[in-house]
């Protein structure tokens, strides 16, 4: 719906002027923005569409794709497709999120939402960086 014609004008009439979500814990309530204008999603949607449309086969720099296959916010199959198209060396890390981590499997590391993944994510990033 975000990319339909004139959605910037009619979508807020359907969903409201703001979007809010309930924080998962006190730290998220304190440190995250949990209410924002519903129109804030349009630049993000445009960026995603632009990124999906690109041809990455000529990109020769190495890339680390670190994402959860079960992500409920973005399509991990699209991430996987872009990784497969990448022209440079690709390292893929797909952490298995569990209890105590982000239920939507979107925030894959960090003390506030996915603390069980932070050390492993840092180790994977440093290992990838060390192999460059």
C-alpha atoms as a PDB file:
ATOM      1  CA  UNK A   1       0.000   0.000   0.000  1.00  0.00           C
ATOM      2  CA  UNK A   2       2.888   2.373   0.704  1.00  0.00           C
ATOM      3  CA  UNK A   3       3.801   2.659  -2.957  1.00  0.00           C
ATOM      4  CA  UNK A   4       0.318   3.001  -4.433  1.00  0.00           C
ATOM      5  CA  UNK A   5      -0.457   6.277  -6.219  1.00  0.00           C
ATOM      6  CA  UNK A   6      -1.003   9.222  -3.848  1.00  0.00           C
ATOM      7  CA  UNK A   7      -0.707   6.921  -0.805  1.00  0.00           C
ATOM      8  CA  UNK A   8       1.033   9.739   1.060  1.00  0.00           C
ATOM      9  CA  UNK A   9      -2.306  11.573   1.071  1.00  0.00           C
ATOM     10  CA  UNK A  10      -4.928   8.878   1.555  1.00  0.00           C
ATOM     11  CA  UNK A  11      -3.133   6.301   3.698  1.00  0.00           C
ATOM     12  CA  UNK A  12      -2.971   8.555   6.803  1.00  0.00           C
ATOM     13  CA  UNK A  13      -6.758   8.897   6.512  1.00  0.00           C
ATOM     14  CA  UNK A  14      -7.026   5.109   6.835  1.00  0.00           C
ATOM     15  CA  UNK A  15      -4.372   4.420   9.469  1.00  0.00           C
ATOM     16  CA  UNK A  16      -4.298   7.726  11.337  1.00  0.00           C
ATOM     17  CA  UNK A  17      -1.799  10.554  11.597  1.00  0.00           C
ATOM     18  CA  UNK A  18       0.530   8.572  13.837  1.00  0.00           C
ATOM     19  CA  UNK A  19       1.720   5.008  14.202  1.00  0.00           C
ATOM     20  CA  UNK A  20       2.454   3.600  17.639  1.00  0.00           C
ATOM     21  CA  UNK A  21       3.514   0.297  19.073  1.00  0.00           C
ATOM     22  CA  UNK A  22       3.755  -1.118  22.571  1.00  0.00           C
ATOM     23  CA  UNK A  23       7.348  -1.425  23.752  1.00  0.00           C
ATOM     24  CA  UNK A  24       8.539  -4.922  24.580  1.00  0.00           C
ATOM     25  CA  UNK A  25      10.234  -3.773  27.785  1.00  0.00           C
ATOM     26  CA  UNK A  26      11.080  -0.724  29.897  1.00  0.00           C
ATOM     27  CA  UNK A  27      14.378  -0.103  28.106  1.00  0.00           C
ATOM     28  CA  UNK A  28      12.660   0.048  24.731  1.00  0.00           C
ATOM     29  CA  UNK A  29      10.060   2.426  26.175  1.00  0.00           C
ATOM     30  CA  UNK A  30      12.853   4.674  27.427  1.00  0.00           C
ATOM     31  CA  UNK A  31      15.221   4.595  24.443  1.00  0.00           C
ATOM     32  CA  UNK A  32      13.096   3.992  21.344  1.00  0.00           C
ATOM     33  CA  UNK A  33      10.584   6.166  19.526  1.00  0.00           C
ATOM     34  CA  UNK A  34       7.313   4.290  19.872  1.00  0.00           C
ATOM     35  CA  UNK A  35       5.063   6.892  18.219  1.00  0.00           C
ATOM     36  CA  UNK A  36       5.833   8.652  14.961  1.00  0.00           C
ATOM     37  CA  UNK A  37       3.962  10.260  12.054  1.00  0.00           C
ATOM     38  CA  UNK A  38       2.448   7.647   9.759  1.00  0.00           C
ATOM     39  CA  UNK A  39       3.925   9.558   6.806  1.00  0.00           C
ATOM     40  CA  UNK A  40       7.435   8.735   8.086  1.00  0.00           C
ATOM     41  CA  UNK A  41       7.221   5.346   6.403  1.00  0.00           C
ATOM     42  CA  UNK A  42       7.070   6.741   2.863  1.00  0.00           C
ATOM     43  CA  UNK A  43      10.761   7.677   2.500  1.00  0.00           C
ATOM     44  CA  UNK A  44      11.644   4.238   3.877  1.00  0.00           C
ATOM     45  CA  UNK A  45       9.365   2.517   1.361  1.00  0.00           C
ATOM     46  CA  UNK A  46      10.847   4.556  -1.496  1.00  0.00           C
ATOM     47  CA  UNK A  47      14.372   3.620  -0.375  1.00  0.00           C
ATOM     48  CA  UNK A  48      13.470  -0.067  -0.187  1.00  0.00           C
ATOM     49  CA  UNK A  49      11.918  -0.009  -3.661  1.00  0.00           C
ATOM     50  CA  UNK A  50      14.965   1.773  -5.081  1.00  0.00           C
ATOM     51  CA  UNK A  51      17.298  -0.769  -3.460  1.00  0.00           C
ATOM     52  CA  UNK A  52      15.288  -3.736  -4.745  1.00  0.00           C
ATOM     53  CA  UNK A  53      15.383  -2.373  -8.298  1.00  0.00           C
ATOM     54  CA  UNK A  54      19.188  -2.101  -8.435  1.00  0.00           C
ATOM     55  CA  UNK A  55      21.502  -4.566 -10.140  1.00  0.00           C
ATOM     56  CA  UNK A  56      24.179  -5.584  -7.640  1.00  0.00           C
ATOM     57  CA  UNK A  57      26.135  -7.878  -9.944  1.00  0.00           C
ATOM     58  CA  UNK A  58      28.744  -5.202 -10.709  1.00  0.00           C
ATOM     59  CA  UNK A  59      29.366  -4.394  -7.041  1.00  0.00           C
ATOM     60  CA  UNK A  60      32.781  -5.867  -6.291  1.00  0.00           C
ATOM     61  CA  UNK A  61      33.222  -4.916  -2.630  1.00  0.00           C
ATOM     62  CA  UNK A  62      32.712  -7.647  -0.037  1.00  0.00           C
ATOM     63  CA  UNK A  63      29.408  -7.678   1.808  1.00  0.00           C
ATOM     64  CA  UNK A  64      28.125  -9.131   5.051  1.00  0.00           C
ATOM     65  CA  UNK A  65      24.428 -10.025   4.978  1.00  0.00           C
ATOM     66  CA  UNK A  66      23.394 -10.558   8.593  1.00  0.00           C
ATOM     67  CA  UNK A  67      19.667 -11.190   8.893  1.00  0.00           C
ATOM     68  CA  UNK A  68      17.136 -13.569  10.368  1.00  0.00           C
ATOM     69  CA  UNK A  69      15.385 -15.859   7.925  1.00  0.00           C
ATOM     70  CA  UNK A  70      12.197 -15.547   9.996  1.00  0.00           C
ATOM     71  CA  UNK A  71      12.102 -11.722   9.935  1.00  0.00           C
ATOM     72  CA  UNK A  72       8.463 -10.626  10.108  1.00  0.00           C
ATOM     73  CA  UNK A  73       9.181  -6.981   9.192  1.00  0.00           C
ATOM     74  CA  UNK A  74      11.131  -7.325   5.955  1.00  0.00           C
ATOM     75  CA  UNK A  75      11.196 -10.095   3.382  1.00  0.00           C
ATOM     76  CA  UNK A  76      14.256 -12.209   4.030  1.00  0.00           C
ATOM     77  CA  UNK A  77      13.816 -13.855   0.625  1.00  0.00           C
ATOM     78  CA  UNK A  78      14.529 -10.470  -0.988  1.00  0.00           C
ATOM     79  CA  UNK A  79      17.638 -10.058   1.167  1.00  0.00           C
ATOM     80  CA  UNK A  80      18.718 -13.549   0.101  1.00  0.00           C
ATOM     81  CA  UNK A  81      18.090 -12.686  -3.575  1.00  0.00           C
ATOM     82  CA  UNK A  82      20.205  -9.525  -3.342  1.00  0.00           C
ATOM     83  CA  UNK A  83      22.994 -11.465  -1.620  1.00  0.00           C
ATOM     84  CA  UNK A  84      22.911 -14.000  -4.460  1.00  0.00           C
ATOM     85  CA  UNK A  85      23.177 -11.188  -7.040  1.00  0.00           C
ATOM     86  CA  UNK A  86      26.069  -9.461  -5.267  1.00  0.00           C
ATOM     87  CA  UNK A  87      29.132  -9.263  -7.514  1.00  0.00           C
ATOM     88  CA  UNK A  88      31.720  -9.301  -4.732  1.00  0.00           C
ATOM     89  CA  UNK A  89      32.486 -11.790  -2.002  1.00  0.00           C
ATOM     90  CA  UNK A  90      29.467 -12.452   0.198  1.00  0.00           C
ATOM     91  CA  UNK A  91      29.297 -13.714   3.746  1.00  0.00           C
ATOM     92  CA  UNK A  92      25.848 -14.582   5.043  1.00  0.00           C
ATOM     93  CA  UNK A  93      25.006 -14.929   8.728  1.00  0.00           C
ATOM     94  CA  UNK A  94      21.505 -16.017   9.696  1.00  0.00           C
ATOM     95  CA  UNK A  95      21.179 -16.117  13.462  1.00  0.00           C
ATOM     96  CA  UNK A  96      18.564 -18.329  15.068  1.00  0.00           C
ATOM     97  CA  UNK A  97      16.660 -16.069  17.431  1.00  0.00           C
ATOM     98  CA  UNK A  98      15.128 -17.601  20.503  1.00  0.00           C
ATOM     99  CA  UNK A  99      13.288 -16.802  23.697  1.00  0.00           C
ATOM    100  CA  UNK A 100      14.290 -13.401  25.004  1.00  0.00           C
ATOM    101  CA  UNK A 101      15.104 -12.108  21.507  1.00  0.00           C
ATOM    102  CA  UNK A 102      12.953  -9.988  19.206  1.00  0.00           C
ATOM    103  CA  UNK A 103       9.682 -11.865  18.573  1.00  0.00           C
ATOM    104  CA  UNK A 104       9.522 -10.328  15.078  1.00  0.00           C
ATOM    105  CA  UNK A 105      13.117 -11.487  14.393  1.00  0.00           C
ATOM    106  CA  UNK A 106      13.890  -8.076  12.883  1.00  0.00           C
ATOM    107  CA  UNK A 107      16.187  -6.580  15.524  1.00  0.00           C
ATOM    108  CA  UNK A 108      18.808  -9.295  15.523  1.00  0.00           C
ATOM    109  CA  UNK A 109      21.186  -7.916  18.149  1.00  0.00           C
ATOM    110  CA  UNK A 110      21.339  -5.370  20.929  1.00  0.00           C
ATOM    111  CA  UNK A 111      20.866  -5.361  24.657  1.00  0.00           C
ATOM    112  CA  UNK A 112      17.344  -3.910  24.523  1.00  0.00           C
ATOM    113  CA  UNK A 113      15.582  -6.260  22.102  1.00  0.00           C
ATOM    114  CA  UNK A 114      17.822  -9.245  21.289  1.00  0.00           C
ATOM    115  CA  UNK A 115      20.396  -9.497  24.071  1.00  0.00           C
ATOM    116  CA  UNK A 116      20.933 -13.209  23.457  1.00  0.00           C
ATOM    117  CA  UNK A 117      22.314 -12.448  20.000  1.00  0.00           C
ATOM    118  CA  UNK A 118      24.593  -9.491  20.694  1.00  0.00           C
ATOM    119  CA  UNK A 119      27.836 -11.320  21.520  1.00  0.00           C
ATOM    120  CA  UNK A 120      27.404 -13.741  18.604  1.00  0.00           C
ATOM    121  CA  UNK A 121      26.586 -10.897  16.219  1.00  0.00           C
ATOM    122  CA  UNK A 122      29.624  -8.892  17.300  1.00  0.00           C
ATOM    123  CA  UNK A 123      31.807 -11.981  16.898  1.00  0.00           C
ATOM    124  CA  UNK A 124      30.424 -12.646  13.395  1.00  0.00           C
ATOM    125  CA  UNK A 125      30.978  -9.037  12.326  1.00  0.00           C
ATOM    126  CA  UNK A 126      34.517  -8.957  13.701  1.00  0.00           C
ATOM    127  CA  UNK A 127      35.342 -12.293  12.080  1.00  0.00           C
ATOM    128  CA  UNK A 128      34.053 -11.028   8.716  1.00  0.00           C
ATOM    129  CA  UNK A 129      35.966  -7.778   9.111  1.00  0.00           C
ATOM    130  CA  UNK A 130      39.129  -9.643  10.057  1.00  0.00           C
ATOM    131  CA  UNK A 131      38.955 -11.668   6.853  1.00  0.00           C
ATOM    132  CA  UNK A 132      38.756  -8.618   4.584  1.00  0.00           C
END
